[in-house]
Amino acid sequence: MTKIYEIIRKPLLTEKSMILRDADNCYSFVVEKKATKNDIRSAVESIFKVHVEKIATCPIRGKVKRMGRFSGKRPDLKKALVTLKKGDKIDTVETASK
């Protein structure tokens, strides 16, 4: 993994991730499935200029969905919960618009 913008796909902006962000300074991202914790740490630190304290990753299998007689599968993804050191922040869409 050499390109840092391929490792972090997008931030997860859900109700639960907003609660984690406010309570524990923990941000959620959708990351590349083959990315390691060290890859994610270096990507977050270089993109957002913050110090990462802890990383937890979770692979998520895509659900099988049906539309009438047709069935399909949502893509698999990997979620990373990145805890930052005290005092560091990442500007997301919600905090930038306030």
PDB file of N, CA and C in Angstrom:
ATOM      1  N   MET A   1       0.840  -1.171   0.000  1.00  0.00           N
ATOM      2  CA  MET A   1       0.000   0.000   0.000  1.00  0.00           C
ATOM      3  C   MET A   1       0.894   1.246   0.000  1.00  0.00           C
ATOM      4  N   THR A   2       0.951   1.906  -1.107  1.00  0.00           N
ATOM      5  CA  THR A   2       1.812   3.070  -1.185  1.00  0.00           C
ATOM      6  C   THR A   2       1.026   4.373  -1.274  1.00  0.00           C
ATOM      7  N   LYS A   3      -0.126   4.376  -1.914  1.00  0.00           N
ATOM      8  CA  LYS A   3      -0.881   5.613  -2.099  1.00  0.00           C
ATOM      9  C   LYS A   3      -1.859   5.800  -0.941  1.00  0.00           C
ATOM     10  N   ILE A   4      -1.662   6.885  -0.206  1.00  0.00           N
ATOM     11  CA  ILE A   4      -2.456   7.081   1.005  1.00  0.00           C
ATOM     12  C   ILE A   4      -3.914   7.402   0.702  1.00  0.00           C
ATOM     13  N   TYR A   5      -4.192   8.001  -0.446  1.00  0.00           N
ATOM     14  CA  TYR A   5      -5.575   8.340  -0.777  1.00  0.00           C
ATOM     15  C   TYR A   5      -6.357   7.137  -1.277  1.00  0.00           C
ATOM     16  N   GLU A   6      -5.686   6.013  -1.549  1.00  0.00           N
ATOM     17  CA  GLU A   6      -6.386   4.779  -1.889  1.00  0.00           C
ATOM     18  C   GLU A   6      -6.696   3.966  -0.644  1.00  0.00           C
ATOM     19  N   ILE A   7      -5.981   4.217   0.439  1.00  0.00           N
ATOM     20  CA  ILE A   7      -6.204   3.464   1.674  1.00  0.00           C
ATOM     21  C   ILE A   7      -7.492   3.918   2.345  1.00  0.00           C
ATOM     22  N   ILE A   8      -7.671   5.224   2.507  1.00  0.00           N
ATOM     23  CA  ILE A   8      -8.882   5.754   3.141  1.00  0.00           C
ATOM     24  C   ILE A   8      -9.873   6.106   2.050  1.00  0.00           C
ATOM     25  N   ARG A   9     -10.983   5.370   2.014  1.00  0.00           N
ATOM     26  CA  ARG A   9     -11.989   5.579   0.967  1.00  0.00           C
ATOM     27  C   ARG A   9     -12.884   6.769   1.276  1.00  0.00           C
ATOM     28  N   LYS A  10     -13.523   6.748   2.468  1.00  0.00           N
ATOM     29  CA  LYS A  10     -14.433   7.828   2.841  1.00  0.00           C
ATOM     30  C   LYS A  10     -14.700   7.768   4.337  1.00  0.00           C
ATOM     31  N   PRO A  11     -15.126   8.875   4.942  1.00  0.00           N
ATOM     32  CA  PRO A  11     -15.503   8.834   6.364  1.00  0.00           C
ATOM     33  C   PRO A  11     -16.903   8.246   6.518  1.00  0.00           C
ATOM     34  N   LEU A  12     -17.127   7.579   7.636  1.00  0.00           N
ATOM     35  CA  LEU A  12     -18.456   7.065   7.959  1.00  0.00           C
ATOM     36  C   LEU A  12     -19.155   8.108   8.825  1.00  0.00           C
ATOM     37  N   LEU A  13     -20.208   8.682   8.310  1.00  0.00           N
ATOM     38  CA  LEU A  13     -20.937   9.733   9.021  1.00  0.00           C
ATOM     39  C   LEU A  13     -22.311   9.205   9.413  1.00  0.00           C
ATOM     40  N   THR A  14     -22.326   8.433  10.492  1.00  0.00           N
ATOM     41  CA  THR A  14     -23.571   7.876  11.004  1.00  0.00           C
ATOM     42  C   THR A  14     -23.835   8.449  12.390  1.00  0.00           C
ATOM     43  N   GLU A  15     -24.998   8.138  12.925  1.00  0.00           N
ATOM     44  CA  GLU A  15     -25.350   8.624  14.250  1.00  0.00           C
ATOM     45  C   GLU A  15     -24.396   8.067  15.306  1.00  0.00           C
ATOM     46  N   LYS A  16     -24.077   6.784  15.188  1.00  0.00           N
ATOM     47  CA  LYS A  16     -23.178   6.153  16.147  1.00  0.00           C
ATOM     48  C   LYS A  16     -21.765   6.728  16.052  1.00  0.00           C
ATOM     49  N   SER A  17     -21.304   7.005  14.835  1.00  0.00           N
ATOM     50  CA  SER A  17     -19.952   7.560  14.692  1.00  0.00           C
ATOM     51  C   SER A  17     -19.881   8.984  15.229  1.00  0.00           C
ATOM     52  N   MET A  18     -20.970   9.742  15.134  1.00  0.00           N
ATOM     53  CA  MET A  18     -20.983  11.087  15.700  1.00  0.00           C
ATOM     54  C   MET A  18     -20.933  11.048  17.227  1.00  0.00           C
ATOM     55  N   ILE A  19     -21.602  10.076  17.835  1.00  0.00           N
ATOM     56  CA  ILE A  19     -21.558   9.919  19.288  1.00  0.00           C
ATOM     57  C   ILE A  19     -20.143   9.542  19.724  1.00  0.00           C
ATOM     58  N   LEU A  20     -19.498   8.616  18.993  1.00  0.00           N
ATOM     59  CA  LEU A  20     -18.120   8.229  19.302  1.00  0.00           C
ATOM     60  C   LEU A  20     -17.162   9.401  19.131  1.00  0.00           C
ATOM     61  N   ARG A  21     -17.389  10.211  18.110  1.00  0.00           N
ATOM     62  CA  ARG A  21     -16.519  11.356  17.867  1.00  0.00           C
ATOM     63  C   ARG A  21     -16.599  12.344  19.023  1.00  0.00           C
ATOM     64  N   ASP A  22     -17.807  12.614  19.506  1.00  0.00           N
ATOM     65  CA  ASP A  22     -17.977  13.588  20.583  1.00  0.00           C
ATOM     66  C   ASP A  22     -17.496  13.048  21.932  1.00  0.00           C
ATOM     67  N   ALA A  23     -17.731  11.771  22.203  1.00  0.00           N
ATOM     68  CA  ALA A  23     -17.398  11.209  23.505  1.00  0.00           C
ATOM     69  C   ALA A  23     -15.933  10.802  23.624  1.00  0.00           C
ATOM     70  N   ASP A  24     -15.399  10.101  22.613  1.00  0.00           N
ATOM     71  CA  ASP A  24     -14.077   9.480  22.746  1.00  0.00           C
ATOM     72  C   ASP A  24     -13.037  10.016  21.780  1.00  0.00           C
ATOM     73  N   ASN A  25     -13.369  11.024  20.959  1.00  0.00           N
ATOM     74  CA  ASN A  25     -12.457  11.540  19.936  1.00  0.00           C
ATOM     75  C   ASN A  25     -12.057  10.422  18.976  1.00  0.00           C
ATOM     76  N   CYS A  26     -13.052   9.619  18.570  1.00  0.00           N
ATOM     77  CA  CYS A  26     -12.848   8.447  17.723  1.00  0.00           C
ATOM     78  C   CYS A  26     -13.585   8.659  16.400  1.00  0.00           C
ATOM     79  N   TYR A  27     -12.882   8.549  15.285  1.00  0.00           N
ATOM     80  CA  TYR A  27     -13.439   8.786  13.960  1.00  0.00           C
ATOM     81  C   TYR A  27     -13.524   7.478  13.186  1.00  0.00           C
ATOM     82  N   SER A  28     -14.560   7.334  12.356  1.00  0.00           N
ATOM     83  CA  SER A  28     -14.787   6.120  11.586  1.00  0.00           C
ATOM     84  C   SER A  28     -14.530   6.377  10.110  1.00  0.00           C
ATOM     85  N   PHE A  29     -13.853   5.421   9.461  1.00  0.00           N
ATOM     86  CA  PHE A  29     -13.547   5.509   8.038  1.00  0.00           C
ATOM     87  C   PHE A  29     -13.803   4.175   7.373  1.00  0.00           C
ATOM     88  N   VAL A  30     -14.201   4.225   6.106  1.00  0.00           N
ATOM     89  CA  VAL A  30     -14.206   3.034   5.256  1.00  0.00           C
ATOM     90  C   VAL A  30     -12.845   2.996   4.590  1.00  0.00           C
ATOM     91  N   VAL A  31     -12.135   1.871   4.723  1.00  0.00           N
ATOM     92  CA  VAL A  31     -10.771   1.767   4.224  1.00  0.00           C
ATOM     93  C   VAL A  31     -10.658   0.611   3.229  1.00  0.00           C
ATOM     94  N   GLU A  32      -9.539   0.556   2.549  1.00  0.00           N
ATOM     95  CA  GLU A  32      -9.234  -0.532   1.617  1.00  0.00           C
ATOM     96  C   GLU A  32      -9.212  -1.853   2.386  1.00  0.00           C
ATOM     97  N   LYS A  33      -9.761  -2.920   1.782  1.00  0.00           N
ATOM     98  CA  LYS A  33      -9.878  -4.196   2.479  1.00  0.00           C
ATOM     99  C   LYS A  33      -8.532  -4.803   2.864  1.00  0.00           C
ATOM    100  N   LYS A  34      -7.500  -4.539   2.079  1.00  0.00           N
ATOM    101  CA  LYS A  34      -6.187  -5.125   2.352  1.00  0.00           C
ATOM    102  C   LYS A  34      -5.280  -4.226   3.186  1.00  0.00           C
ATOM    103  N   ALA A  35      -5.774  -3.095   3.645  1.00  0.00           N
ATOM    104  CA  ALA A  35      -4.964  -2.156   4.415  1.00  0.00           C
ATOM    105  C   ALA A  35      -4.730  -2.682   5.827  1.00  0.00           C
ATOM    106  N   THR A  36      -3.510  -2.515   6.309  1.00  0.00           N
ATOM    107  CA  THR A  36      -3.179  -2.899   7.675  1.00  0.00           C
ATOM    108  C   THR A  36      -3.336  -1.693   8.595  1.00  0.00           C
ATOM    109  N   LYS A  37      -3.220  -1.943   9.899  1.00  0.00           N
ATOM    110  CA  LYS A  37      -3.353  -0.852  10.860  1.00  0.00           C
ATOM    111  C   LYS A  37      -2.229   0.165  10.694  1.00  0.00           C
ATOM    112  N   ASN A  38      -1.029  -0.297  10.369  1.00  0.00           N
ATOM    113  CA  ASN A  38       0.083   0.629  10.150  1.00  0.00           C
ATOM    114  C   ASN A  38      -0.149   1.492   8.912  1.00  0.00           C
ATOM    115  N   ASP A  39      -0.718   0.902   7.854  1.00  0.00           N
ATOM    116  CA  ASP A  39      -1.050   1.673   6.650  1.00  0.00           C
ATOM    117  C   ASP A  39      -2.090   2.751   6.971  1.00  0.00           C
ATOM    118  N   ILE A  40      -3.109   2.372   7.728  1.00  0.00           N
ATOM    119  CA  ILE A  40      -4.181   3.305   8.081  1.00  0.00           C
ATOM    120  C   ILE A  40      -3.626   4.424   8.966  1.00  0.00           C
ATOM    121  N   ARG A  41      -2.773   4.065   9.922  1.00  0.00           N
ATOM    122  CA  ARG A  41      -2.173   5.065  10.816  1.00  0.00           C
ATOM    123  C   ARG A  41      -1.362   6.096  10.035  1.00  0.00           C
ATOM    124  N   SER A  42      -0.516   5.635   9.133  1.00  0.00           N
ATOM    125  CA  SER A  42       0.316   6.574   8.373  1.00  0.00           C
ATOM    126  C   SER A  42      -0.524   7.424   7.427  1.00  0.00           C
ATOM    127  N   ALA A  43      -1.589   6.847   6.859  1.00  0.00           N
ATOM    128  CA  ALA A  43      -2.449   7.608   5.955  1.00  0.00           C
ATOM    129  C   ALA A  43      -3.205   8.703   6.702  1.00  0.00           C
ATOM    130  N   VAL A  44      -3.781   8.382   7.848  1.00  0.00           N
ATOM    131  CA  VAL A  44      -4.543   9.368   8.622  1.00  0.00           C
ATOM    132  C   VAL A  44      -3.621  10.470   9.126  1.00  0.00           C
ATOM    133  N   GLU A  45      -2.449  10.091   9.615  1.00  0.00           N
ATOM    134  CA  GLU A  45      -1.524  11.099  10.139  1.00  0.00           C
ATOM    135  C   GLU A  45      -1.003  12.027   9.054  1.00  0.00           C
ATOM    136  N   SER A  46      -0.776  11.497   7.851  1.00  0.00           N
ATOM    137  CA  SER A  46      -0.248  12.360   6.797  1.00  0.00           C
ATOM    138  C   SER A  46      -1.331  13.198   6.115  1.00  0.00           C
ATOM    139  N   ILE A  47      -2.543  12.679   5.991  1.00  0.00           N
ATOM    140  CA  ILE A  47      -3.613  13.435   5.332  1.00  0.00           C
ATOM    141  C   ILE A  47      -4.143  14.536   6.243  1.00  0.00           C
ATOM    142  N   PHE A  48      -4.452  14.195   7.497  1.00  0.00           N
ATOM    143  CA  PHE A  48      -5.135  15.122   8.390  1.00  0.00           C
ATOM    144  C   PHE A  48      -4.197  15.841   9.364  1.00  0.00           C
ATOM    145  N   LYS A  49      -2.912  15.489   9.397  1.00  0.00           N
ATOM    146  CA  LYS A  49      -1.915  16.137  10.270  1.00  0.00           C
ATOM    147  C   LYS A  49      -2.322  16.045  11.750  1.00  0.00           C
ATOM    148  N   VAL A  50      -2.642  14.828  12.183  1.00  0.00           N
ATOM    149  CA  VAL A  50      -3.013  14.551  13.567  1.00  0.00           C
ATOM    150  C   VAL A  50      -2.157  13.394  14.087  1.00  0.00           C
ATOM    151  N   HIS A  51      -2.262  13.111  15.383  1.00  0.00           N
ATOM    152  CA  HIS A  51      -1.544  11.999  15.999  1.00  0.00           C
ATOM    153  C   HIS A  51      -2.548  10.919  16.389  1.00  0.00           C
ATOM    154  N   VAL A  52      -2.347   9.705  15.869  1.00  0.00           N
ATOM    155  CA  VAL A  52      -3.260   8.594  16.119  1.00  0.00           C
ATOM    156  C   VAL A  52      -2.816   7.851  17.377  1.00  0.00           C
ATOM    157  N   GLU A  53      -3.774   7.610  18.262  1.00  0.00           N
ATOM    158  CA  GLU A  53      -3.486   6.885  19.496  1.00  0.00           C
ATOM    159  C   GLU A  53      -3.781   5.397  19.356  1.00  0.00           C
ATOM    160  N   LYS A  54      -4.932   5.053  18.742  1.00  0.00           N
ATOM    161  CA  LYS A  54      -5.355   3.661  18.669  1.00  0.00           C
ATOM    162  C   LYS A  54      -6.192   3.450  17.409  1.00  0.00           C
ATOM    163  N   ILE A  55      -6.113   2.228  16.838  1.00  0.00           N
ATOM    164  CA  ILE A  55      -6.897   1.881  15.656  1.00  0.00           C
ATOM    165  C   ILE A  55      -7.549   0.523  15.881  1.00  0.00           C
ATOM    166  N   ALA A  56      -8.833   0.430  15.564  1.00  0.00           N
ATOM    167  CA  ALA A  56      -9.555  -0.836  15.585  1.00  0.00           C
ATOM    168  C   ALA A  56     -10.167  -1.030  14.202  1.00  0.00           C
ATOM    169  N   THR A  57      -9.995  -2.219  13.624  1.00  0.00           N
ATOM    170  CA  THR A  57     -10.542  -2.484  12.296  1.00  0.00           C
ATOM    171  C   THR A  57     -11.581  -3.594  12.383  1.00  0.00           C
ATOM    172  N   CYS A  58     -12.509  -3.581  11.428  1.00  0.00           N
ATOM    173  CA  CYS A  58     -13.588  -4.558  11.407  1.00  0.00           C
ATOM    174  C   CYS A  58     -13.983  -4.831   9.966  1.00  0.00           C
ATOM    175  N   PRO A  59     -13.730  -6.057   9.458  1.00  0.00           N
ATOM    176  CA  PRO A  59     -14.215  -6.379   8.113  1.00  0.00           C
ATOM    177  C   PRO A  59     -15.716  -6.648   8.145  1.00  0.00           C
ATOM    178  N   ILE A  60     -16.431  -6.123   7.159  1.00  0.00           N
ATOM    179  CA  ILE A  60     -17.882  -6.265   7.110  1.00  0.00           C
ATOM    180  C   ILE A  60     -18.263  -6.947   5.803  1.00  0.00           C
ATOM    181  N   ARG A  61     -18.997  -8.049   5.894  1.00  0.00           N
ATOM    182  CA  ARG A  61     -19.440  -8.761   4.710  1.00  0.00           C
ATOM    183  C   ARG A  61     -20.678  -8.085   4.144  1.00  0.00           C
ATOM    184  N   GLY A  62     -20.749  -8.003   2.820  1.00  0.00           N
ATOM    185  CA  GLY A  62     -21.893  -7.385   2.164  1.00  0.00           C
ATOM    186  C   GLY A  62     -23.140  -8.237   2.278  1.00  0.00           C
ATOM    187  N   LYS A  63     -24.260  -7.581   2.422  1.00  0.00           N
ATOM    188  CA  LYS A  63     -25.532  -8.291   2.559  1.00  0.00           C
ATOM    189  C   LYS A  63     -26.052  -8.729   1.202  1.00  0.00           C
ATOM    190  N   VAL A  64     -26.785  -9.831   1.199  1.00  0.00           N
ATOM    191  CA  VAL A  64     -27.470 -10.283  -0.006  1.00  0.00           C
ATOM    192  C   VAL A  64     -28.851  -9.642   0.004  1.00  0.00           C
ATOM    193  N   LYS A  65     -29.170  -8.925  -1.057  1.00  0.00           N
ATOM    194  CA  LYS A  65     -30.440  -8.214  -1.150  1.00  0.00           C
ATOM    195  C   LYS A  65     -31.226  -8.725  -2.348  1.00  0.00           C
ATOM    196  N   ARG A  66     -32.560  -8.671  -2.235  1.00  0.00           N
ATOM    197  CA  ARG A  66     -33.436  -9.108  -3.320  1.00  0.00           C
ATOM    198  C   ARG A  66     -34.313  -7.958  -3.769  1.00  0.00           C
ATOM    199  N   MET A  67     -34.560  -7.909  -5.063  1.00  0.00           N
ATOM    200  CA  MET A  67     -35.501  -6.960  -5.634  1.00  0.00           C
ATOM    201  C   MET A  67     -36.412  -7.788  -6.527  1.00  0.00           C
ATOM    202  N   GLY A  68     -37.529  -8.228  -5.949  1.00  0.00           N
ATOM    203  CA  GLY A  68     -38.418  -9.121  -6.687  1.00  0.00           C
ATOM    204  C   GLY A  68     -37.776 -10.491  -6.850  1.00  0.00           C
ATOM    205  N   ARG A  69     -37.635 -10.951  -8.077  1.00  0.00           N
ATOM    206  CA  ARG A  69     -37.017 -12.260  -8.294  1.00  0.00           C
ATOM    207  C   ARG A  69     -35.512 -12.161  -8.503  1.00  0.00           C
ATOM    208  N   PHE A  70     -34.989 -10.956  -8.577  1.00  0.00           N
ATOM    209  CA  PHE A  70     -33.560 -10.761  -8.795  1.00  0.00           C
ATOM    210  C   PHE A  70     -32.855 -10.585  -7.452  1.00  0.00           C
ATOM    211  N   SER A  71     -31.698 -11.193  -7.337  1.00  0.00           N
ATOM    212  CA  SER A  71     -30.926 -11.027  -6.113  1.00  0.00           C
ATOM    213  C   SER A  71     -29.542 -10.499  -6.452  1.00  0.00           C
ATOM    214  N   GLY A  72     -28.994  -9.797  -5.516  1.00  0.00           N
ATOM    215  CA  GLY A  72     -27.663  -9.235  -5.699  1.00  0.00           C
ATOM    216  C   GLY A  72     -26.968  -9.156  -4.355  1.00  0.00           C
ATOM    217  N   LYS A  73     -25.735  -8.703  -4.380  1.00  0.00           N
ATOM    218  CA  LYS A  73     -24.954  -8.632  -3.155  1.00  0.00           C
ATOM    219  C   LYS A  73     -24.293  -7.268  -3.058  1.00  0.00           C
ATOM    220  N   ARG A  74     -24.388  -6.663  -1.882  1.00  0.00           N
ATOM    221  CA  ARG A  74     -23.673  -5.421  -1.638  1.00  0.00           C
ATOM    222  C   ARG A  74     -22.190  -5.737  -1.470  1.00  0.00           C
ATOM    223  N   PRO A  75     -21.328  -4.778  -1.745  1.00  0.00           N
ATOM    224  CA  PRO A  75     -19.894  -5.076  -1.669  1.00  0.00           C
ATOM    225  C   PRO A  75     -19.403  -5.232  -0.224  1.00  0.00           C
ATOM    226  N   ASP A  76     -18.356  -6.058  -0.053  1.00  0.00           N
ATOM    227  CA  ASP A  76     -17.691  -6.180   1.239  1.00  0.00           C
ATOM    228  C   ASP A  76     -16.897  -4.902   1.492  1.00  0.00           C
ATOM    229  N   LEU A  77     -16.706  -4.566   2.767  1.00  0.00           N
ATOM    230  CA  LEU A  77     -15.913  -3.388   3.100  1.00  0.00           C
ATOM    231  C   LEU A  77     -15.204  -3.602   4.418  1.00  0.00           C
ATOM    232  N   LYS A  78     -14.302  -2.701   4.729  1.00  0.00           N
ATOM    233  CA  LYS A  78     -13.566  -2.742   5.984  1.00  0.00           C
ATOM    234  C   LYS A  78     -13.707  -1.389   6.662  1.00  0.00           C
ATOM    235  N   LYS A  79     -14.053  -1.419   7.941  1.00  0.00           N
ATOM    236  CA  LYS A  79     -14.262  -0.206   8.709  1.00  0.00           C
ATOM    237  C   LYS A  79     -13.111  -0.036   9.694  1.00  0.00           C
ATOM    238  N   ALA A  80     -12.637   1.191   9.840  1.00  0.00           N
ATOM    239  CA  ALA A  80     -11.568   1.482  10.793  1.00  0.00           C
ATOM    240  C   ALA A  80     -12.040   2.554  11.766  1.00  0.00           C
ATOM    241  N   LEU A  81     -11.867   2.289  13.050  1.00  0.00           N
ATOM    242  CA  LEU A  81     -12.173   3.257  14.097  1.00  0.00           C
ATOM    243  C   LEU A  81     -10.839   3.807  14.590  1.00  0.00           C
ATOM    244  N   VAL A  82     -10.611   5.087  14.341  1.00  0.00           N
ATOM    245  CA  VAL A  82      -9.333   5.725  14.642  1.00  0.00           C
ATOM    246  C   VAL A  82      -9.524   6.663  15.826  1.00  0.00           C
ATOM    247  N   THR A  83      -8.821   6.380  16.930  1.00  0.00           N
ATOM    248  CA  THR A  83      -8.857   7.231  18.115  1.00  0.00           C
ATOM    249  C   THR A  83      -7.663   8.165  18.064  1.00  0.00           C
ATOM    250  N   LEU A  84      -7.934   9.459  18.192  1.00  0.00           N
ATOM    251  CA  LEU A  84      -6.880  10.463  18.137  1.00  0.00           C
ATOM    252  C   LEU A  84      -6.441  10.857  19.538  1.00  0.00           C
ATOM    253  N   LYS A  85      -5.231  11.419  19.644  1.00  0.00           N
ATOM    254  CA  LYS A  85      -4.748  11.914  20.922  1.00  0.00           C
ATOM    255  C   LYS A  85      -5.569  13.126  21.347  1.00  0.00           C
ATOM    256  N   LYS A  86      -5.568  13.389  22.630  1.00  0.00           N
ATOM    257  CA  LYS A  86      -6.376  14.476  23.180  1.00  0.00           C
ATOM    258  C   LYS A  86      -5.943  15.810  22.570  1.00  0.00           C
ATOM    259  N   GLY A  87      -6.907  16.590  22.138  1.00  0.00           N
ATOM    260  CA  GLY A  87      -6.625  17.892  21.549  1.00  0.00           C
ATOM    261  C   GLY A  87      -6.606  17.898  20.035  1.00  0.00           C
ATOM    262  N   ASP A  88      -6.458  16.737  19.387  1.00  0.00           N
ATOM    263  CA  ASP A  88      -6.473  16.667  17.927  1.00  0.00           C
ATOM    264  C   ASP A  88      -7.900  16.514  17.432  1.00  0.00           C
ATOM    265  N   LYS A  89      -8.195  17.104  16.265  1.00  0.00           N
ATOM    266  CA  LYS A  89      -9.524  17.020  15.656  1.00  0.00           C
ATOM    267  C   LYS A  89      -9.383  16.852  14.167  1.00  0.00           C
ATOM    268  N   ILE A  90     -10.397  16.251  13.551  1.00  0.00           N
ATOM    269  CA  ILE A  90     -10.500  16.164  12.092  1.00  0.00           C
ATOM    270  C   ILE A  90     -11.781  16.875  11.709  1.00  0.00           C
ATOM    271  N   ASP A  91     -11.697  17.805  10.765  1.00  0.00           N
ATOM    272  CA  ASP A  91     -12.885  18.500  10.284  1.00  0.00           C
ATOM    273  C   ASP A  91     -13.626  17.608   9.312  1.00  0.00           C
ATOM    274  N   THR A  92     -14.852  17.219   9.672  1.00  0.00           N
ATOM    275  CA  THR A  92     -15.697  16.436   8.782  1.00  0.00           C
ATOM    276  C   THR A  92     -16.768  17.348   8.214  1.00  0.00           C
ATOM    277  N   VAL A  93     -17.678  16.797   7.470  1.00  0.00           N
ATOM    278  CA  VAL A  93     -18.715  17.595   6.807  1.00  0.00           C
ATOM    279  C   VAL A  93     -19.586  18.308   7.837  1.00  0.00           C
ATOM    280  N   GLU A  94     -19.961  17.630   8.917  1.00  0.00           N
ATOM    281  CA  GLU A  94     -20.842  18.222   9.920  1.00  0.00           C
ATOM    282  C   GLU A  94     -20.142  19.361  10.658  1.00  0.00           C
ATOM    283  N   THR A  95     -18.880  19.157  11.046  1.00  0.00           N
ATOM    284  CA  THR A  95     -18.202  20.191  11.825  1.00  0.00           C
ATOM    285  C   THR A  95     -17.791  21.365  10.942  1.00  0.00           C
ATOM    286  N   ALA A  96     -17.565  21.125   9.645  1.00  0.00           N
ATOM    287  CA  ALA A  96     -17.170  22.214   8.756  1.00  0.00           C
ATOM    288  C   ALA A  96     -18.356  23.108   8.406  1.00  0.00           C
ATOM    289  N   SER A  97     -19.577  22.557   8.420  1.00  0.00           N
ATOM    290  CA  SER A  97     -20.745  23.340   8.036  1.00  0.00           C
ATOM    291  C   SER A  97     -21.320  24.160   9.185  1.00  0.00           C
ATOM    292  N   LYS A  98     -20.934  23.891  10.425  1.00  0.00           N
ATOM    293  CA  LYS A  98     -21.478  24.636  11.578  1.00  0.00           C
ATOM    294  C   LYS A  98     -20.824  25.961  11.768  1.00  0.00           C
TER     295      LYS A  98
END
